[in-house]
C-alpha atoms as a PDB file:
ATOM      1  CA  MET A   1      63.113  54.050  45.466  1.00  0.00           C
ATOM      2  CA  CYS A   2      63.509  55.331  41.922  1.00  0.00           C
ATOM      3  CA  ALA A   3      60.951  54.479  39.263  1.00  0.00           C
ATOM      4  CA  ASP A   4      63.302  51.907  37.699  1.00  0.00           C
ATOM      5  CA  GLY A   5      63.463  49.951  40.975  1.00  0.00           C
ATOM      6  CA  ASN A   6      67.012  51.033  41.858  1.00  0.00           C
ATOM      7  CA  GLU A   7      68.090  53.533  44.490  1.00  0.00           C
ATOM      8  CA  CYS A   8      69.941  56.682  43.484  1.00  0.00           C
ATOM      9  CA  LYS A   9      72.407  58.246  45.955  1.00  0.00           C
ATOM     10  CA  SER A  10      69.694  60.603  47.249  1.00  0.00           C
ATOM     11  CA  CYS A  11      67.311  57.685  47.867  1.00  0.00           C
ATOM     12  CA  LYS A  12      70.038  55.991  49.889  1.00  0.00           C
ATOM     13  CA  ILE A  13      70.546  59.177  51.928  1.00  0.00           C
ATOM     14  CA  SER A  14      66.841  59.724  52.543  1.00  0.00           C
ATOM     15  CA  LYS A  15      66.267  56.143  53.678  1.00  0.00           C
ATOM     16  CA  GLY A  16      69.548  55.704  55.548  1.00  0.00           C
ATOM     17  CA  ASN A  17      70.498  52.818  53.254  1.00  0.00           C
ATOM     18  CA  LYS A  18      74.217  52.150  52.775  1.00  0.00           C
ATOM     19  CA  TYR A  19      75.147  55.823  52.683  1.00  0.00           C
ATOM     20  CA  ASP A  20      75.344  58.240  55.586  1.00  0.00           C
ATOM     21  CA  PRO A  21      76.450  61.769  54.708  1.00  0.00           C
ATOM     22  CA  ARG A  22      78.832  63.516  57.069  1.00  0.00           C
ATOM     23  CA  GLY A  23      76.801  64.979  59.918  1.00  0.00           C
ATOM     24  CA  GLY A  24      73.838  62.730  59.112  1.00  0.00           C
ATOM     25  CA  ILE A  25      70.434  63.942  58.029  1.00  0.00           C
ATOM     26  CA  VAL A  26      67.859  66.262  59.545  1.00  0.00           C
ATOM     27  CA  LYS A  27      64.254  65.161  59.157  1.00  0.00           C
ATOM     28  CA  LEU A  28      61.992  68.021  58.126  1.00  0.00           C
ATOM     29  CA  GLU A  29      58.239  68.438  57.994  1.00  0.00           C
ATOM     30  CA  GLY A  30      56.266  67.038  55.065  1.00  0.00           C
ATOM     31  CA  LYS A  31      58.637  64.163  54.343  1.00  0.00           C
ATOM     32  CA  TRP A  32      61.629  66.328  53.448  1.00  0.00           C
ATOM     33  CA  ILE A  33      65.181  65.766  54.659  1.00  0.00           C
ATOM     34  CA  LEU A  34      68.305  67.907  54.867  1.00  0.00           C
ATOM     35  CA  ASN A  35      71.948  66.928  54.592  1.00  0.00           C
ATOM     36  CA  HIS A  36      75.245  68.730  54.144  1.00  0.00           C
ATOM     37  CA  TYR A  37      76.603  69.063  50.592  1.00  0.00           C
ATOM     38  CA  GLU A  38      79.706  66.928  50.236  1.00  0.00           C
ATOM     39  CA  ALA A  39      81.258  67.865  46.908  1.00  0.00           C
ATOM     40  CA  ASN A  40      84.715  69.437  46.921  1.00  0.00           C
ATOM     41  CA  GLN A  41      83.239  72.812  46.016  1.00  0.00           C
ATOM     42  CA  GLY A  42      81.009  72.965  49.079  1.00  0.00           C
ATOM     43  CA  PHE A  43      81.773  74.804  52.288  1.00  0.00           C
ATOM     44  CA  LEU A  44      80.281  74.784  55.755  1.00  0.00           C
ATOM     45  CA  GLY A  45      76.553  75.415  55.683  1.00  0.00           C
ATOM     46  CA  TRP A  46      76.005  74.449  52.032  1.00  0.00           C
ATOM     47  CA  LEU A  47      72.975  72.206  52.491  1.00  0.00           C
ATOM     48  CA  ILE A  48      70.826  69.944  50.351  1.00  0.00           C
ATOM     49  CA  MET A  49      67.083  69.648  50.951  1.00  0.00           C
ATOM     50  CA  GLN A  50      65.232  66.828  49.231  1.00  0.00           C
ATOM     51  CA  PRO A  51      61.973  64.908  49.478  1.00  0.00           C
ATOM     52  CA  LYS A  52      62.221  61.432  50.964  1.00  0.00           C
ATOM     53  CA  ARG A  53      60.679  59.835  47.903  1.00  0.00           C
ATOM     54  CA  CYS A  54      62.399  59.822  44.543  1.00  0.00           C
ATOM     55  CA  ILE A  55      60.926  62.334  42.163  1.00  0.00           C
ATOM     56  CA  MET A  56      62.624  64.243  39.392  1.00  0.00           C
ATOM     57  CA  ASP A  57      60.870  67.631  39.280  1.00  0.00           C
ATOM     58  CA  PHE A  58      58.744  70.121  41.212  1.00  0.00           C
ATOM     59  CA  ASP A  59      55.565  69.217  39.327  1.00  0.00           C
ATOM     60  CA  GLU A  60      55.742  65.752  40.903  1.00  0.00           C
ATOM     61  CA  LEU A  61      55.584  67.062  44.499  1.00  0.00           C
ATOM     62  CA  ASN A  62      52.422  66.059  46.354  1.00  0.00           C
ATOM     63  CA  GLY A  63      50.311  68.385  48.493  1.00  0.00           C
ATOM     64  CA  GLU A  64      52.103  67.619  51.767  1.00  0.00           C
ATOM     65  CA  GLU A  65      55.531  68.178  50.203  1.00  0.00           C
ATOM     66  CA  LEU A  66      54.426  71.445  48.586  1.00  0.00           C
ATOM     67  CA  THR A  67      52.766  72.715  51.768  1.00  0.00           C
ATOM     68  CA  ASN A  68      55.984  72.208  53.730  1.00  0.00           C
ATOM     69  CA  LEU A  69      58.499  73.372  51.104  1.00  0.00           C
ATOM     70  CA  GLY A  70      58.391  77.092  51.972  1.00  0.00           C
ATOM     71  CA  PRO A  71      58.169  76.667  55.760  1.00  0.00           C
ATOM     72  CA  ASN A  72      61.117  74.238  55.691  1.00  0.00           C
ATOM     73  CA  ILE A  73      63.246  76.683  53.713  1.00  0.00           C
ATOM     74  CA  LYS A  74      62.287  79.490  56.107  1.00  0.00           C
ATOM     75  CA  ARG A  75      63.209  77.315  59.118  1.00  0.00           C
ATOM     76  CA  ILE A  76      66.586  76.362  57.648  1.00  0.00           C
ATOM     77  CA  ILE A  77      67.495  79.950  56.783  1.00  0.00           C
ATOM     78  CA  GLY A  78      66.531  81.157  60.276  1.00  0.00           C
ATOM     79  CA  SER A  79      68.539  78.351  61.856  1.00  0.00           C
ATOM     80  CA  LEU A  80      71.606  79.118  59.739  1.00  0.00           C
ATOM     81  CA  LYS A  81      71.394  82.790  60.740  1.00  0.00           C
ATOM     82  CA  ARG A  82      71.235  81.867  64.425  1.00  0.00           C
ATOM     83  CA  TYR A  83      74.136  79.430  64.041  1.00  0.00           C
ATOM     84  CA  TRP A  84      76.318  82.052  62.350  1.00  0.00           C
ATOM     85  CA  GLU A  85      75.485  84.710  64.967  1.00  0.00           C
ATOM     86  CA  VAL A  86      76.824  82.434  67.707  1.00  0.00           C
ATOM     87  CA  ASN A  87      79.687  80.659  65.943  1.00  0.00           C
ATOM     88  CA  PHE A  88      80.985  83.221  63.417  1.00  0.00           C
ATOM     89  CA  PRO A  89      80.023  86.690  64.691  1.00  0.00           C
ATOM     90  CA  GLU A  90      82.963  88.237  62.811  1.00  0.00           C
ATOM     91  CA  ASP A  91      81.591  86.961  59.460  1.00  0.00           C
ATOM     92  CA  LYS A  92      77.851  87.660  59.400  1.00  0.00           C
ATOM     93  CA  LEU A  93      75.527  85.570  57.275  1.00  0.00           C
ATOM     94  CA  LYS A  94      74.142  88.041  54.740  1.00  0.00           C
ATOM     95  CA  ARG A  95      72.071  85.806  52.466  1.00  0.00           C
ATOM     96  CA  VAL A  96      71.143  82.196  51.802  1.00  0.00           C
ATOM     97  CA  TYR A  97      70.820  81.279  48.137  1.00  0.00           C
ATOM     98  CA  VAL A  98      68.031  78.791  47.391  1.00  0.00           C
ATOM     99  CA  VAL A  99      68.957  77.056  44.153  1.00  0.00           C
ATOM    100  CA  TYR A 100      67.427  74.259  42.108  1.00  0.00           C
ATOM    101  CA  LEU A 101      69.630  73.169  39.231  1.00  0.00           C
ATOM    102  CA  PHE A 102      69.256  70.003  37.225  1.00  0.00           C
ATOM    103  CA  GLU A 103      72.357  70.102  35.066  1.00  0.00           C
ATOM    104  CA  GLY A 104      75.763  68.750  35.864  1.00  0.00           C
ATOM    105  CA  VAL A 105      79.057  70.544  35.629  1.00  0.00           C
ATOM    106  CA  PHE A 106      79.392  69.496  32.000  1.00  0.00           C
ATOM    107  CA  ASP A 107      75.731  70.132  31.083  1.00  0.00           C
ATOM    108  CA  ILE A 108      75.068  66.425  30.773  1.00  0.00           C
ATOM    109  CA  GLU A 109      71.582  65.696  31.985  1.00  0.00           C
ATOM    110  CA  PRO A 110      71.597  62.690  34.301  1.00  0.00           C
ATOM    111  CA  GLU A 111      69.380  59.748  33.418  1.00  0.00           C
ATOM    112  CA  LYS A 112      67.855  59.927  36.888  1.00  0.00           C
ATOM    113  CA  TYR A 113      68.472  62.282  39.713  1.00  0.00           C
ATOM    114  CA  HIS A 114      66.435  62.834  42.848  1.00  0.00           C
ATOM    115  CA  LEU A 115      65.015  66.359  43.118  1.00  0.00           C
ATOM    116  CA  HIS A 116      67.176  68.360  45.505  1.00  0.00           C
ATOM    117  CA  ILE A 117      67.455  72.017  46.439  1.00  0.00           C
ATOM    118  CA  HIS A 118      70.747  73.687  47.395  1.00  0.00           C
ATOM    119  CA  LEU A 119      70.696  76.137  50.316  1.00  0.00           C
ATOM    120  CA  ILE A 120      73.977  78.044  50.109  1.00  0.00           C
ATOM    121  CA  PRO A 121      74.994  80.552  52.786  1.00  0.00           C
ATOM    122  CA  ARG A 122      76.740  83.744  51.696  1.00  0.00           C
ATOM    123  CA  THR A 123      78.621  85.503  54.442  1.00  0.00           C
ATOM    124  CA  VAL A 124      80.310  88.892  54.273  1.00  0.00           C
ATOM    125  CA  ARG A 125      83.688  87.276  53.534  1.00  0.00           C
ATOM    126  CA  ILE A 126      82.298  84.879  50.936  1.00  0.00           C
ATOM    127  CA  GLY A 127      80.698  87.942  49.324  1.00  0.00           C
ATOM    128  CA  GLN A 128      84.156  89.533  49.123  1.00  0.00           C
ATOM    129  CA  LEU A 129      85.429  86.388  47.413  1.00  0.00           C
ATOM    130  CA  LEU A 130      82.538  86.461  44.933  1.00  0.00           C
ATOM    131  CA  ARG A 131      83.406  90.061  44.049  1.00  0.00           C
ATOM    132  CA  MET A 132      86.714  88.786  42.642  1.00  0.00           C
ATOM    133  CA  PHE A 133      84.721  86.848  40.046  1.00  0.00           C
ATOM    134  CA  GLY A 134      82.259  89.664  39.395  1.00  0.00           C
ATOM    135  CA  GLU A 135      84.571  92.590  38.633  1.00  0.00           C
ATOM    136  CA  GLY A 136      83.691  94.303  41.914  1.00  0.00           C
ATOM    137  CA  ASN A 137      80.080  93.131  42.063  1.00  0.00           C
ATOM    138  CA  ILE A 138      78.906  89.968  43.777  1.00  0.00           C
ATOM    139  CA  ASN A 139      78.637  87.215  41.192  1.00  0.00           C
ATOM    140  CA  ALA A 140      76.575  84.542  42.942  1.00  0.00           C
ATOM    141  CA  TRP A 141      76.803  82.314  39.859  1.00  0.00           C
ATOM    142  CA  ALA A 142      80.522  81.929  40.559  1.00  0.00           C
ATOM    143  CA  ILE A 143      79.952  80.386  43.978  1.00  0.00           C
ATOM    144  CA  TYR A 144      80.554  76.874  42.671  1.00  0.00           C
ATOM    145  CA  LYS A 145      83.918  77.794  41.177  1.00  0.00           C
ATOM    146  CA  SER A 146      84.977  80.158  43.954  1.00  0.00           C
ATOM    147  CA  SER A 147      84.350  77.619  46.696  1.00  0.00           C
ATOM    148  CA  GLY A 148      86.838  75.139  45.268  1.00  0.00           C
ATOM    149  CA  GLU A 149      89.979  74.449  47.281  1.00  0.00           C
ATOM    150  CA  GLN A 150      92.272  76.644  45.151  1.00  0.00           C
ATOM    151  CA  TYR A 151      90.156  79.787  45.662  1.00  0.00           C
ATOM    152  CA  PHE A 152      88.459  79.388  49.029  1.00  0.00           C
ATOM    153  CA  PRO A 153      90.585  81.157  51.672  1.00  0.00           C
ATOM    154  CA  LYS A 154      92.063  78.875  54.299  1.00  0.00           C
ATOM    155  CA  TYR A 155      91.699  81.638  56.927  1.00  0.00           C
ATOM    156  CA  LEU A 156      87.894  81.523  56.882  1.00  0.00           C
ATOM    157  CA  LYS A 157      86.652  79.987  60.101  1.00  0.00           C
ATOM    158  CA  SER A 158      83.601  78.705  58.229  1.00  0.00           C
ATOM    159  CA  ARG A 159      85.674  76.217  56.214  1.00  0.00           C
ATOM    160  CA  ARG A 160      84.312  72.689  56.262  1.00  0.00           C
ATOM    161  CA  TYR A 161      86.589  70.574  58.498  1.00  0.00           C
ATOM    162  CA  ASP A 162      87.381  69.360  62.018  1.00  0.00           C
ATOM    163  CA  GLY A 163      83.905  68.233  63.024  1.00  0.00           C
ATOM    164  CA  LYS A 164      82.264  71.513  62.014  1.00  0.00           C
ATOM    165  CA  VAL A 165      79.751  69.801  59.719  1.00  0.00           C
ATOM    166  CA  GLU A 166      78.701  67.471  62.516  1.00  0.00           C
ATOM    167  CA  LYS A 167      78.325  70.392  64.946  1.00  0.00           C
ATOM    168  CA  LEU A 168      76.172  72.344  62.468  1.00  0.00           C
ATOM    169  CA  MET A 169      73.954  69.364  61.662  1.00  0.00           C
ATOM    170  CA  ASP A 170      73.481  68.628  65.392  1.00  0.00           C
ATOM    171  CA  PHE A 171      72.429  72.267  65.858  1.00  0.00           C
ATOM    172  CA  LEU A 172      69.933  72.038  62.979  1.00  0.00           C
ATOM    173  CA  ARG A 173      68.462  68.808  64.369  1.00  0.00           C
ATOM    174  CA  ALA A 174      68.012  70.414  67.807  1.00  0.00           C
ATOM    175  CA  GLU A 175      66.359  73.603  66.519  1.00  0.00           C
ATOM    176  CA  PRO A 176      62.645  73.868  67.282  1.00  0.00           C
ATOM    177  CA  LYS A 177      60.295  73.472  64.320  1.00  0.00           C
ATOM    178  CA  GLU A 178      58.797  76.909  64.869  1.00  0.00           C
ATOM    179  CA  ARG A 179      60.007  80.059  66.588  1.00  0.00           C
ATOM    180  CA  LYS A 180      57.652  82.728  67.826  1.00  0.00           C
END
């Protein structure tokens, strides 16, 4: 619960109260959770990782949360790579961006907002799309704009629809915590 006694959207997700994101949540080590990003700009595999408790910044993370932050990110990236190898072998996962932003689209700082980290997959074909915004070079900062409906190619098999989010989240839930 947030410091003011109310629950923000992320608190509701982390506690399963009144709001269930598509595909549900994946419980991670150290009291972290993972859910699929739902904004219009998102695409399949764009994930949100957040602590279960409501905090606003990294300096508020406790020892258990900090200890598990890196290993959780590593696990998610490895799982996404394995998922793409099996489900989209024609569009290899080349990179996963790990992004923490605290500003909105219009640079209006929210009064309260649960700390959350975006994990954004960049495949070969998404990289080609990002080159359009970077004058031939990949412009990762344009991923938000380029993933909107008007730019994101309908031919990409990794589009977010038809139960694909649910299938991905089920895969992530079933993945072992550690791989040798």
